[in-house]
Protein backbone atom coordinates (compact mmCIF):
# COMPACT_ATOMS: atom_id res chain seq x y z
CA MET A 1 -1.60 -41.32 -9.49
CA ARG A 2 -3.57 -39.11 -11.97
CA ALA A 3 -5.85 -37.67 -9.46
CA ALA A 4 -2.99 -36.71 -7.42
CA LEU A 5 -1.05 -35.05 -10.59
CA TYR A 6 -4.59 -33.29 -11.21
CA LEU A 7 -4.83 -31.57 -7.63
CA PHE A 8 -0.79 -31.00 -7.94
CA SER A 9 -1.56 -29.00 -11.24
CA LEU A 10 -4.03 -27.50 -8.92
CA THR A 11 -1.61 -26.53 -6.26
CA ALA A 12 0.74 -25.16 -8.34
CA LEU A 13 -2.36 -22.72 -10.24
CA PHE A 14 -3.36 -21.29 -6.49
CA ALA A 15 0.84 -20.82 -5.97
CA PHE A 16 1.33 -18.32 -8.62
CA ALA A 17 -1.80 -16.79 -8.76
CA PRO A 18 -2.11 -13.26 -8.10
CA ASP A 19 -3.47 -11.48 -4.66
CA GLY A 20 -5.26 -8.61 -7.11
CA LEU A 21 -5.23 -6.81 -9.99
CA GLY A 22 -4.80 -3.13 -8.33
CA ALA A 23 -0.91 -2.78 -8.67
CA GLN A 24 -0.66 0.23 -10.68
CA GLU A 25 -2.04 2.29 -8.06
CA THR A 26 -1.24 1.97 -4.62
CA ALA A 27 -1.12 6.04 -3.49
CA VAL A 28 -3.82 7.79 -1.97
CA ARG A 29 -4.45 11.57 -2.60
CA PHE A 30 -4.85 13.72 0.07
CA PRO A 31 -5.54 17.62 -0.05
CA VAL A 32 -2.65 19.96 1.46
CA SER A 33 -4.91 22.31 4.11
CA GLY A 34 -2.28 24.05 5.56
CA VAL A 35 1.01 25.51 5.45
CA ALA A 36 4.18 26.79 7.84
CA ASP A 37 7.64 26.96 8.18
CA THR A 38 8.87 23.78 7.63
CA THR A 39 6.14 21.55 7.81
CA PHE A 40 2.38 21.36 6.64
CA THR A 41 -1.07 19.69 7.08
CA PHE A 42 -3.59 17.82 5.46
CA THR A 43 -6.86 15.97 6.13
CA ILE A 44 -6.94 12.09 5.91
CA GLY A 45 -10.92 11.72 6.54
CA GLN A 46 -11.07 8.22 7.28
CA HIS A 47 -8.03 6.71 6.31
CA GLN A 48 -6.69 5.25 10.01
CA TRP A 49 -3.63 3.49 8.50
CA VAL A 50 -1.77 6.83 8.07
CA ARG A 51 1.05 6.79 10.79
CA PRO A 52 3.68 8.80 11.98
CA GLY A 53 6.71 7.99 10.47
CA GLN A 54 5.65 7.36 7.14
CA ARG A 55 7.07 9.07 4.01
CA GLY A 56 5.63 10.66 0.90
CA ILE A 57 5.99 13.02 -1.64
CA VAL A 58 3.90 16.38 -2.51
CA VAL A 59 2.80 16.96 -6.36
CA ASP A 60 1.23 19.72 -8.08
CA PRO A 61 -2.01 18.27 -9.97
CA ARG A 62 -1.98 20.92 -12.74
CA GLN A 63 1.59 20.46 -13.96
CA ARG A 64 0.36 16.91 -14.40
CA ASP A 65 2.11 15.55 -10.84
CA VAL A 66 5.08 17.04 -10.67
CA LEU A 67 7.16 16.43 -7.55
CA VAL A 68 6.50 19.45 -5.04
CA ALA A 69 8.27 17.93 -1.75
CA ARG A 70 9.17 14.92 -0.01
CA PHE A 71 8.22 14.71 3.64
CA ARG A 72 7.60 12.13 7.01
CA VAL A 73 4.48 11.97 8.50
CA SER A 74 5.08 13.77 11.91
CA ARG A 75 1.79 13.75 13.62
CA VAL A 76 -1.51 11.88 13.20
CA SER A 77 -5.05 13.63 15.27
CA GLY A 78 -8.57 14.00 14.69
CA GLY A 79 -8.69 13.80 11.02
CA ALA A 80 -5.65 15.74 10.09
CA ALA A 81 -2.14 14.90 9.65
CA THR A 82 1.32 16.90 9.99
CA ALA A 83 4.15 16.52 8.39
CA VAL A 84 7.08 17.41 7.96
CA VAL A 85 9.29 18.50 4.37
CA THR A 86 12.83 16.18 3.82
CA GLY A 87 13.56 17.75 0.64
CA GLN A 88 11.42 20.87 -1.54
CA ALA A 89 11.82 21.66 -5.40
CA THR A 90 9.32 24.29 -4.97
CA SER A 91 7.19 26.15 -2.21
CA ILE A 92 4.05 23.82 -0.77
CA ASN A 93 0.73 25.42 -1.29
CA THR A 94 -2.78 24.38 -0.75
CA SER A 95 -3.52 23.76 -4.42
CA HIS A 96 -0.90 20.85 -4.44
CA THR A 97 -2.14 16.72 -3.12
CA VAL A 98 -0.02 14.98 -1.37
CA LEU A 99 0.37 10.81 -2.57
CA LEU A 100 0.92 8.39 0.17
CA ASP A 101 1.35 4.80 -0.66
CA VAL A 102 -0.95 2.44 1.05
CA PRO A 103 0.41 -0.53 3.46
CA GLN A 104 1.05 -3.71 2.25
CA ARG A 105 -0.26 -6.70 3.89
CA PRO A 106 2.29 -9.00 5.39
CA TRP A 107 2.49 -12.20 3.07
CA TYR A 108 1.33 -14.71 6.38
CA ARG A 109 -2.31 -12.52 5.93
CA ALA A 110 -3.25 -13.36 2.32
CA GLN A 111 -5.38 -15.10 1.76
CA SER A 112 -3.70 -16.82 -1.12
CA PHE A 113 -1.23 -17.78 1.22
CA TRP A 114 -3.17 -19.94 3.37
CA ILE A 115 -5.32 -21.63 0.79
CA GLY A 116 -2.20 -22.64 -0.92
CA THR A 117 -1.14 -23.92 2.42
CA ALA A 118 -3.94 -25.98 2.72
CA VAL A 119 -4.15 -27.41 -0.67
CA GLY A 120 -0.60 -28.06 -0.71
CA ALA A 121 -0.82 -29.61 2.59
CA LEU A 122 -4.05 -31.93 1.50
CA ALA A 123 -2.00 -32.73 -2.08
CA GLY A 124 0.79 -33.97 -0.01
CA PHE A 125 -0.91 -36.13 2.16
CA LEU A 126 -3.02 -38.08 -0.66
CA ILE A 127 0.11 -38.36 -2.34
CA GLY A 128 2.28 -39.92 0.43
CA SER A 129 -0.83 -42.26 1.10
CA LEU A 130 -0.34 -43.88 -2.64
């Protein structure tokens, strides 16, 4: 019975353990490469997770990341993305920076979920067999 209690405690530890410690920084910065009337382009490099429909902001790094505009990505091709401005505080220029949040993985793809499921199933089997 004592072993089952220890196993249950270990299972509880896995259930409440955080996935990662990088919770503060979830956005990636991209340079603005071109500006048109209501659209602008920015280079995405090797970041293949940038998709049409994502929303982000444009900031001015020279003024402590003050908000310049909000946008929606309309097209991605060849290492560059085109975005449509949806709200604007000041004019966008090439000295500004684009911020996009990295999409979160679904809960069922997290390694900690499957480890917790396996340990919980094992604990249930062991407690049930007592």
